[in-house]
Amino acid sequence: MKRLYDLPAPGKVNLFLHVVGRRDDGYHLLQSVFMLIDWCDTLHLERRSDGQIGREDTSAGDLPANDLCVRAARLLQSTTGTSDGVQITLDKHLPAQAGLGGGSSDAATVLLALNRLWSLGLSRSELIRLGQTLGADVPFFIGGHNAWVEGIGEQLTPIQLPSGRLLVLKPPGGASTPQIFASPLLKRDTKTATIQGFAANSTLDLAACMAFGSNDLQPVVQTLCPDVGAGIDWLAARGLNARMSGSGTAVFAPLPQGQSAPGEAPEGWQMRVCSNMDEHPLAGWCGD
């Protein structure tokens, strides 16, 4: 096998996100439900025999200085000792600093794909352990299923969610995750929830899922990026109950069945109608 083209790297939204404590090392303890959506980046990987890791984008512009795709490939290379290299081309669609997990999903797709392209035979659990060193969201995308998430993002319990559509709205501005978690305004003592408590609220539709909890980061981000509040208000004025996703500035709201997007997004904003996904398109690419 020499190449793997058109590999999806789906985004995610957090149906809720609670900060329930903080470890002695400073990492925050979280509870969340991560849900895959069909807004995806696309990657193309071609094996190189010279051991080099190459990287390019299909769109113009400078590559990120600390690119997660390259870091993922180098990590897998150094861990396994393979002499193979790869040329990675990314067709970027997910917006940056949105809280949709784009960079983490790209890294997860690289790990899953190179495990096959380089014939390494690593298990899913081995890839998850590697992915955890790259970022807290990477294990979720390798895990392959919607999940109840705890700890610092490494404790994953697969969960079934109702199918549905949602509207995702991303303002031009972003937010710094370290700045958010360092804020004295951040609530860090939300009462611990249970997966059973969430399941009792999530059997009907996505709107029922969002009746559970909140995003504890949202008040902080709204002070850093007022457009987040403006986006929530814009959707509320159109009858949609919105919430911020993750630690980014994208907001999302479930769409009632049969309802289309409510007009054009504000100028300079990105808007997309998404469907959720039961599993990652590459979920079957490695064994547990």
Protein backbone atom coordinates (compact mmCIF):
# COMPACT_ATOMS: atom_id res chain seq x y z
CA MET A 1 0.00 0.00 0.00
CA LYS A 2 1.46 3.35 -1.07
CA ARG A 3 -1.27 5.92 -0.46
CA LEU A 4 -4.53 6.59 1.35
CA TYR A 5 -6.65 9.41 -0.01
CA ASP A 6 -9.85 11.19 1.06
CA LEU A 7 -9.60 10.28 4.73
CA PRO A 8 -12.20 12.04 6.91
CA ALA A 9 -11.37 13.81 10.16
CA PRO A 10 -14.78 14.66 11.65
CA GLY A 11 -15.46 17.42 14.14
CA LYS A 12 -17.26 17.15 17.45
CA VAL A 13 -19.42 19.22 19.75
CA ASN A 14 -19.67 19.06 23.53
CA LEU A 15 -23.30 18.57 24.53
CA PHE A 16 -22.23 19.88 27.94
CA LEU A 17 -18.88 20.56 29.61
CA HIS A 18 -18.45 20.68 33.38
CA VAL A 19 -15.30 21.46 35.35
CA VAL A 20 -15.59 19.33 38.48
CA GLY A 21 -12.16 19.84 40.06
CA ARG A 22 -8.47 20.33 39.57
CA ARG A 23 -5.53 17.97 40.00
CA ASP A 24 -2.40 18.81 41.97
CA ASP A 25 -0.52 19.19 38.68
CA GLY A 26 -2.90 21.92 37.56
CA TYR A 27 -4.91 19.92 35.03
CA HIS A 28 -8.65 20.43 35.29
CA LEU A 29 -11.00 17.49 35.81
CA LEU A 30 -13.87 17.50 33.35
CA GLN A 31 -17.12 15.78 32.54
CA SER A 32 -18.61 16.03 29.08
CA VAL A 33 -20.40 14.23 26.29
CA PHE A 34 -18.53 14.41 22.98
CA MET A 35 -20.64 13.94 19.86
CA LEU A 36 -19.22 13.39 16.37
CA ILE A 37 -20.55 15.60 13.56
CA ASP A 38 -20.23 15.31 9.80
CA TRP A 39 -18.31 18.56 9.32
CA CYS A 40 -14.94 17.08 8.40
CA ASP A 41 -11.42 17.90 7.33
CA THR A 42 -9.99 15.60 4.63
CA LEU A 43 -6.48 14.15 4.63
CA HIS A 44 -4.40 12.49 1.93
CA LEU A 45 -1.39 10.39 2.92
CA GLU A 46 1.27 8.99 0.63
CA ARG A 47 4.05 6.74 1.94
CA ARG A 48 7.62 7.90 1.49
CA SER A 49 10.61 5.56 1.45
CA ASP A 50 13.09 8.21 2.64
CA GLY A 51 11.73 8.37 6.20
CA GLN A 52 10.82 12.06 5.91
CA ILE A 53 7.56 13.62 7.15
CA GLY A 54 6.22 16.14 4.61
CA ARG A 55 3.20 18.36 5.11
CA GLU A 56 1.17 20.69 2.90
CA ASP A 57 -2.30 22.20 2.71
CA THR A 58 -4.59 22.36 -0.30
CA SER A 59 -5.39 25.98 0.59
CA ALA A 60 -2.96 28.88 0.57
CA GLY A 61 -1.38 30.14 3.76
CA ASP A 62 1.28 29.26 6.28
CA LEU A 63 1.16 25.91 8.06
CA PRO A 64 0.70 25.90 11.84
CA ALA A 65 4.03 26.18 13.66
CA ASN A 66 3.28 23.19 15.91
CA ASP A 67 1.27 21.08 13.49
CA LEU A 68 -0.46 18.15 15.18
CA CYS A 69 -0.45 16.04 12.02
CA VAL A 70 3.35 16.16 11.80
CA ARG A 71 3.71 15.61 15.54
CA ALA A 72 1.44 12.55 15.31
CA ALA A 73 3.44 11.07 12.45
CA ARG A 74 6.78 11.67 14.17
CA LEU A 75 5.49 10.20 17.41
CA LEU A 76 4.34 7.03 15.67
CA GLN A 77 7.61 6.84 13.77
CA SER A 78 9.77 7.18 16.88
CA THR A 79 7.62 4.81 18.94
CA THR A 80 7.65 1.98 16.42
CA GLY A 81 11.08 2.53 14.82
CA THR A 82 9.66 2.32 11.30
CA SER A 83 11.87 3.57 8.49
CA ASP A 84 8.86 4.73 6.47
CA GLY A 85 7.94 8.37 5.99
CA VAL A 86 4.82 10.09 4.72
CA GLN A 87 3.62 13.07 2.75
CA ILE A 88 0.52 14.55 4.44
CA THR A 89 -1.85 16.84 2.55
CA LEU A 90 -4.70 18.44 4.50
CA ASP A 91 -7.87 19.82 2.97
CA LYS A 92 -9.00 22.02 5.87
CA HIS A 93 -12.69 22.74 6.42
CA LEU A 94 -13.18 22.86 10.19
CA PRO A 95 -12.48 26.34 11.56
CA ALA A 96 -9.65 26.87 14.03
CA GLN A 97 -10.27 27.77 17.70
CA ALA A 98 -13.88 26.69 17.30
CA GLY A 99 -14.07 24.01 20.01
CA LEU A 100 -14.89 21.46 17.30
CA GLY A 101 -11.70 19.42 17.75
CA GLY A 102 -10.31 19.95 14.26
CA GLY A 103 -6.59 19.69 15.03
CA SER A 104 -7.09 16.76 17.38
CA SER A 105 -9.24 14.94 14.84
CA ASP A 106 -6.62 15.48 12.13
CA ALA A 107 -3.97 13.97 14.43
CA ALA A 108 -6.21 10.99 15.22
CA THR A 109 -6.84 10.31 11.53
CA VAL A 110 -3.08 10.46 10.87
CA LEU A 111 -2.44 7.88 13.62
CA LEU A 112 -5.21 5.58 12.39
CA ALA A 113 -4.13 5.89 8.76
CA LEU A 114 -0.39 5.50 9.32
CA ASN A 115 -1.01 2.44 11.46
CA ARG A 116 -2.44 0.91 8.28
CA LEU A 117 -0.19 2.58 5.68
CA TRP A 118 2.97 1.57 7.55
CA SER A 119 1.55 -1.90 8.48
CA LEU A 120 2.29 -1.36 12.18
CA GLY A 121 -0.55 -3.42 13.66
CA LEU A 122 -1.01 -1.31 16.80
CA SER A 123 -4.23 -1.79 18.74
CA ARG A 124 -6.74 0.97 19.40
CA SER A 125 -5.72 1.14 23.06
CA GLU A 126 -2.06 1.58 22.02
CA LEU A 127 -2.99 4.38 19.63
CA ILE A 128 -5.11 6.04 22.33
CA ARG A 129 -2.15 6.05 24.72
CA LEU A 130 -0.03 7.73 22.06
CA GLY A 131 -2.78 10.17 21.17
CA GLN A 132 -3.18 11.26 24.77
CA THR A 133 0.34 12.74 24.67
CA LEU A 134 -0.69 14.94 21.72
CA GLY A 135 -3.84 16.44 23.19
CA ALA A 136 -6.79 15.72 25.46
CA ASP A 137 -9.30 15.34 22.60
CA VAL A 138 -7.22 12.98 20.43
CA PRO A 139 -8.18 9.77 22.32
CA PHE A 140 -11.88 10.46 21.69
CA PHE A 141 -11.44 10.51 17.92
CA ILE A 142 -9.35 7.34 18.00
CA GLY A 143 -11.97 5.68 20.21
CA GLY A 144 -14.40 6.08 17.35
CA HIS A 145 -17.73 6.52 19.13
CA ASN A 146 -19.74 9.23 20.84
CA ALA A 147 -18.64 9.16 24.44
CA TRP A 148 -19.16 10.18 28.03
CA VAL A 149 -15.81 11.78 28.87
CA GLU A 150 -14.18 12.21 32.28
CA GLY A 151 -10.79 12.88 33.87
CA ILE A 152 -8.72 15.22 31.72
CA GLY A 153 -10.32 13.74 28.62
CA GLU A 154 -8.76 10.29 28.68
CA GLN A 155 -11.62 8.36 30.34
CA LEU A 156 -14.06 7.40 27.58
CA THR A 157 -17.32 5.48 27.88
CA PRO A 158 -19.13 4.91 24.55
CA ILE A 159 -22.67 6.24 24.62
CA GLN A 160 -25.65 6.03 22.28
CA LEU A 161 -27.18 9.34 21.21
CA PRO A 162 -30.33 10.10 19.21
CA SER A 163 -29.81 11.07 15.59
CA GLY A 164 -30.42 14.65 14.66
CA ARG A 165 -29.33 17.81 12.90
CA LEU A 166 -27.75 20.89 14.39
CA LEU A 167 -26.74 24.34 13.28
CA VAL A 168 -23.13 25.32 14.00
CA LEU A 169 -22.20 29.00 13.96
CA LYS A 170 -18.59 30.23 14.24
CA PRO A 171 -17.67 33.92 14.67
CA PRO A 172 -14.42 35.25 13.22
CA GLY A 173 -12.68 35.49 16.59
CA GLY A 174 -11.10 32.70 18.59
CA ALA A 175 -10.16 32.11 22.21
CA SER A 176 -7.03 30.86 23.95
CA THR A 177 -7.63 27.62 25.84
CA PRO A 178 -4.81 28.28 28.39
CA GLN A 179 -6.25 31.74 29.02
CA ILE A 180 -9.72 30.29 29.59
CA PHE A 181 -8.55 27.72 32.14
CA ALA A 182 -6.37 30.28 33.92
CA SER A 183 -9.23 32.71 34.37
CA PRO A 184 -10.30 33.45 37.98
CA LEU A 185 -13.86 33.64 36.63
CA LEU A 186 -13.88 29.93 35.73
CA LYS A 187 -16.19 27.78 37.84
CA ARG A 188 -14.18 24.74 38.96
CA ASP A 189 -16.50 22.97 41.40
CA THR A 190 -19.56 21.86 39.43
CA LYS A 191 -21.27 18.94 41.12
CA THR A 192 -20.23 15.59 39.66
CA ALA A 193 -22.86 14.16 37.32
CA THR A 194 -23.55 10.54 36.36
CA ILE A 195 -23.90 8.91 32.99
CA GLN A 196 -27.24 7.53 34.17
CA GLY A 197 -28.46 11.03 34.92
CA PHE A 198 -27.51 12.18 31.44
CA ALA A 199 -29.10 9.13 29.81
CA ALA A 200 -32.41 9.90 31.54
CA ASN A 201 -32.44 13.22 29.66
CA SER A 202 -31.15 12.04 26.31
CA THR A 203 -33.45 9.34 24.98
CA LEU A 204 -35.71 11.52 22.83
CA ASP A 205 -33.73 13.98 20.71
CA LEU A 206 -30.74 16.29 20.73
CA ALA A 207 -32.76 19.11 22.28
CA ALA A 208 -33.43 16.84 25.27
CA CYS A 209 -29.69 16.07 25.48
CA MET A 210 -28.94 19.79 25.72
CA ALA A 211 -31.37 20.19 28.60
CA PHE A 212 -28.66 18.52 30.70
CA GLY A 213 -25.95 20.67 32.23
CA SER A 214 -24.11 23.61 30.70
CA ASN A 215 -20.71 24.62 29.37
CA ASP A 216 -18.79 25.95 32.38
CA LEU A 217 -16.29 27.64 30.06
CA GLN A 218 -18.92 29.69 28.25
CA PRO A 219 -19.15 32.65 30.70
CA VAL A 220 -15.37 33.09 30.58
CA VAL A 221 -15.19 32.87 26.80
CA GLN A 222 -18.01 35.39 26.42
CA THR A 223 -15.86 37.93 28.28
CA LEU A 224 -12.91 37.18 25.98
CA CYS A 225 -14.93 36.99 22.76
CA PRO A 226 -18.29 38.82 23.00
CA ASP A 227 -19.25 37.40 19.60
CA VAL A 228 -19.99 34.10 21.39
CA GLY A 229 -22.83 35.74 23.27
CA ALA A 230 -23.90 37.54 20.09
CA GLY A 231 -24.07 34.20 18.27
CA ILE A 232 -26.17 32.62 21.02
CA ASP A 233 -28.50 35.63 20.94
CA TRP A 234 -28.70 35.49 17.13
CA LEU A 235 -29.82 31.86 17.28
CA ALA A 236 -32.18 32.52 20.21
CA ALA A 237 -33.91 35.25 18.18
CA ARG A 238 -34.66 32.53 15.63
CA GLY A 239 -36.10 30.15 18.20
CA LEU A 240 -32.97 28.01 18.67
CA ASN A 241 -31.43 27.11 22.04
CA ALA A 242 -27.67 27.39 21.56
CA ARG A 243 -24.58 26.52 23.57
CA MET A 244 -20.84 26.97 23.08
CA SER A 245 -18.79 23.90 22.13
CA GLY A 246 -15.67 22.95 24.07
CA SER A 247 -13.18 25.74 24.70
CA GLY A 248 -13.69 27.41 21.32
CA THR A 249 -15.99 30.11 20.02
CA ALA A 250 -18.38 28.05 17.89
CA VAL A 251 -21.94 27.80 19.16
CA PHE A 252 -24.48 25.20 18.10
CA ALA A 253 -28.18 24.46 18.42
CA PRO A 254 -30.34 21.45 17.57
CA LEU A 255 -32.58 21.97 14.54
CA PRO A 256 -36.17 20.74 14.81
CA GLN A 257 -37.05 18.08 12.27
CA GLY A 258 -37.70 19.59 8.86
CA GLN A 259 -36.35 23.05 9.77
CA SER A 260 -33.66 24.56 7.58
CA ALA A 261 -31.01 27.11 8.47
CA PRO A 262 -32.64 30.40 9.50
CA GLY A 263 -31.28 32.72 6.83
CA GLU A 264 -27.75 33.94 6.17
CA ALA A 265 -25.12 34.03 8.89
CA PRO A 266 -23.78 37.40 10.05
CA GLU A 267 -21.11 38.75 7.69
CA GLY A 268 -17.74 37.11 8.26
CA TRP A 269 -19.19 34.20 10.27
CA GLN A 270 -19.22 30.54 9.23
CA MET A 271 -22.46 28.57 9.49
CA ARG A 272 -23.19 24.97 8.66
CA VAL A 273 -26.05 22.53 9.14
CA CYS A 274 -24.57 19.26 10.44
CA SER A 275 -25.81 15.81 11.28
CA ASN A 276 -24.38 13.79 14.11
CA MET A 277 -22.61 10.49 13.52
CA ASP A 278 -22.87 7.20 15.40
CA GLU A 279 -19.21 6.37 14.86
CA HIS A 280 -16.01 7.67 13.31
CA PRO A 281 -15.73 6.67 9.62
CA LEU A 282 -12.39 4.96 10.38
CA ALA A 283 -13.58 3.27 13.58
CA GLY A 284 -13.02 -0.19 12.11
CA TRP A 285 -9.42 0.43 11.10
CA CYS A 286 -7.85 -1.13 14.17
CA GLY A 287 -8.77 -3.67 16.81
CA ASP A 288 -9.18 -2.86 20.48
